[in-house]
């Protein structure tokens, strides 16, 4: 099973943030996007990495 590398996830996250802010600059949507990205990271991040 292959995981997305941290660099790819970061690039996708930055791109998503920039695109989202371009279309919706309200603070509410910004925080909603951050929450969605955090959930996505928790799901997609390799389980082998331990905090």
N, C-alpha and C. Protein backbone atom coordinates (compact mmCIF):
# COMPACT_ATOMS: atom_id res chain seq x y z
N UNK A 1 0.85 -1.21 0.00
CA UNK A 1 0.00 0.00 0.00
C UNK A 1 0.88 1.25 0.00
N UNK A 2 0.56 2.15 -0.87
CA UNK A 2 1.37 3.36 -0.98
C UNK A 2 0.64 4.54 -0.34
N UNK A 3 1.41 5.35 0.38
CA UNK A 3 0.85 6.54 1.00
C UNK A 3 1.31 7.78 0.25
N UNK A 4 0.51 8.84 0.33
CA UNK A 4 0.94 10.11 -0.24
C UNK A 4 2.06 10.66 0.63
N UNK A 5 3.11 11.15 -0.02
CA UNK A 5 4.23 11.70 0.73
C UNK A 5 3.79 13.01 1.39
N UNK A 6 4.41 13.34 2.54
CA UNK A 6 4.07 14.59 3.24
C UNK A 6 4.17 15.81 2.33
N UNK A 7 5.16 15.83 1.43
CA UNK A 7 5.33 16.97 0.53
C UNK A 7 4.12 17.13 -0.39
N UNK A 8 3.63 16.00 -0.92
CA UNK A 8 2.47 16.05 -1.81
C UNK A 8 1.25 16.55 -1.05
N UNK A 9 1.05 16.06 0.17
CA UNK A 9 -0.10 16.47 0.97
C UNK A 9 -0.03 17.96 1.27
N UNK A 10 1.18 18.45 1.60
CA UNK A 10 1.36 19.87 1.90
C UNK A 10 1.06 20.73 0.67
N UNK A 11 1.57 20.30 -0.48
CA UNK A 11 1.33 21.04 -1.72
C UNK A 11 -0.15 21.10 -2.04
N UNK A 12 -0.83 19.97 -1.91
CA UNK A 12 -2.27 19.92 -2.18
C UNK A 12 -3.03 20.81 -1.20
N UNK A 13 -2.60 20.79 0.06
CA UNK A 13 -3.26 21.59 1.08
C UNK A 13 -3.11 23.08 0.78
N UNK A 14 -1.89 23.50 0.42
CA UNK A 14 -1.64 24.90 0.11
C UNK A 14 -2.45 25.34 -1.10
N UNK A 15 -2.47 24.49 -2.12
CA UNK A 15 -3.23 24.80 -3.33
C UNK A 15 -4.71 24.94 -3.00
N UNK A 16 -5.22 24.03 -2.18
CA UNK A 16 -6.63 24.07 -1.80
C UNK A 16 -6.95 25.35 -1.03
N UNK A 17 -6.04 25.73 -0.12
CA UNK A 17 -6.25 26.95 0.66
C UNK A 17 -6.29 28.18 -0.25
N UNK A 18 -5.32 28.27 -1.16
CA UNK A 18 -5.25 29.43 -2.05
C UNK A 18 -6.49 29.52 -2.93
N UNK A 19 -6.93 28.40 -3.48
CA UNK A 19 -8.11 28.39 -4.34
C UNK A 19 -9.37 28.75 -3.54
N UNK A 20 -9.45 28.17 -2.33
CA UNK A 20 -10.63 28.41 -1.50
C UNK A 20 -10.73 29.87 -1.09
N UNK A 21 -9.59 30.45 -0.66
CA UNK A 21 -9.58 31.86 -0.24
C UNK A 21 -9.94 32.76 -1.42
N UNK A 22 -9.52 32.36 -2.63
CA UNK A 22 -9.81 33.17 -3.82
C UNK A 22 -11.33 33.26 -4.05
N UNK A 23 -12.05 32.19 -3.74
CA UNK A 23 -13.48 32.17 -3.99
C UNK A 23 -14.30 32.57 -2.76
N UNK A 24 -13.76 32.31 -1.59
CA UNK A 24 -14.51 32.63 -0.37
C UNK A 24 -13.54 33.17 0.68
N UNK A 25 -13.60 34.48 0.87
CA UNK A 25 -12.62 35.13 1.76
C UNK A 25 -13.18 35.35 3.16
N UNK A 26 -14.33 34.77 3.43
CA UNK A 26 -14.91 34.96 4.76
C UNK A 26 -14.21 34.06 5.77
N UNK A 27 -14.10 34.55 6.99
CA UNK A 27 -13.38 33.82 8.04
C UNK A 27 -14.01 32.46 8.32
N UNK A 28 -15.34 32.40 8.28
CA UNK A 28 -16.05 31.15 8.55
C UNK A 28 -15.61 30.05 7.60
N UNK A 29 -15.54 30.38 6.30
CA UNK A 29 -15.17 29.38 5.31
C UNK A 29 -13.71 28.99 5.47
N UNK A 30 -12.88 29.96 5.88
CA UNK A 30 -11.46 29.68 6.09
C UNK A 30 -11.28 28.65 7.19
N UNK A 31 -11.98 28.84 8.30
CA UNK A 31 -11.88 27.89 9.41
C UNK A 31 -12.47 26.54 9.03
N UNK A 32 -13.55 26.54 8.26
CA UNK A 32 -14.16 25.29 7.82
C UNK A 32 -13.17 24.50 6.97
N UNK A 33 -12.44 25.22 6.11
CA UNK A 33 -11.45 24.57 5.26
C UNK A 33 -10.33 23.96 6.10
N UNK A 34 -9.88 24.70 7.11
CA UNK A 34 -8.82 24.19 7.98
C UNK A 34 -9.26 22.91 8.69
N UNK A 35 -10.50 22.88 9.15
CA UNK A 35 -11.02 21.69 9.82
C UNK A 35 -11.07 20.51 8.86
N UNK A 36 -11.54 20.77 7.63
CA UNK A 36 -11.62 19.70 6.62
C UNK A 36 -10.23 19.16 6.31
N UNK A 37 -9.25 20.06 6.17
CA UNK A 37 -7.88 19.64 5.88
C UNK A 37 -7.31 18.81 7.03
N UNK A 38 -7.62 19.21 8.26
CA UNK A 38 -7.13 18.47 9.42
C UNK A 38 -7.72 17.06 9.44
N UNK A 39 -8.99 16.96 9.15
CA UNK A 39 -9.64 15.64 9.10
C UNK A 39 -9.00 14.79 8.00
N UNK A 40 -8.74 15.42 6.85
CA UNK A 40 -8.13 14.70 5.73
C UNK A 40 -6.73 14.19 6.10
N UNK A 41 -5.97 15.03 6.80
CA UNK A 41 -4.62 14.63 7.21
C UNK A 41 -4.69 13.45 8.18
N UNK A 42 -5.64 13.48 9.10
CA UNK A 42 -5.78 12.38 10.07
C UNK A 42 -6.11 11.08 9.36
N UNK A 43 -6.87 11.17 8.26
CA UNK A 43 -7.27 9.97 7.53
C UNK A 43 -6.17 9.48 6.60
N UNK A 44 -5.52 10.42 5.90
CA UNK A 44 -4.57 10.05 4.86
C UNK A 44 -3.14 9.84 5.36
N UNK A 45 -2.82 10.43 6.52
CA UNK A 45 -1.44 10.34 7.01
C UNK A 45 -1.07 8.89 7.33
N UNK A 46 0.12 8.48 6.96
CA UNK A 46 0.57 7.10 7.21
C UNK A 46 0.45 6.73 8.68
N UNK A 47 -0.10 5.57 8.93
CA UNK A 47 -0.29 5.12 10.32
C UNK A 47 1.04 4.79 10.99
N UNK A 48 2.09 4.64 10.19
CA UNK A 48 3.39 4.27 10.74
C UNK A 48 4.01 5.41 11.53
N UNK A 49 3.55 6.65 11.26
CA UNK A 49 4.10 7.81 11.97
C UNK A 49 3.42 7.94 13.32
N UNK A 50 4.25 7.90 14.38
CA UNK A 50 3.71 8.00 15.73
C UNK A 50 4.11 9.34 16.34
N UNK A 51 3.18 9.96 17.06
CA UNK A 51 3.46 11.24 17.71
C UNK A 51 4.04 10.99 19.10
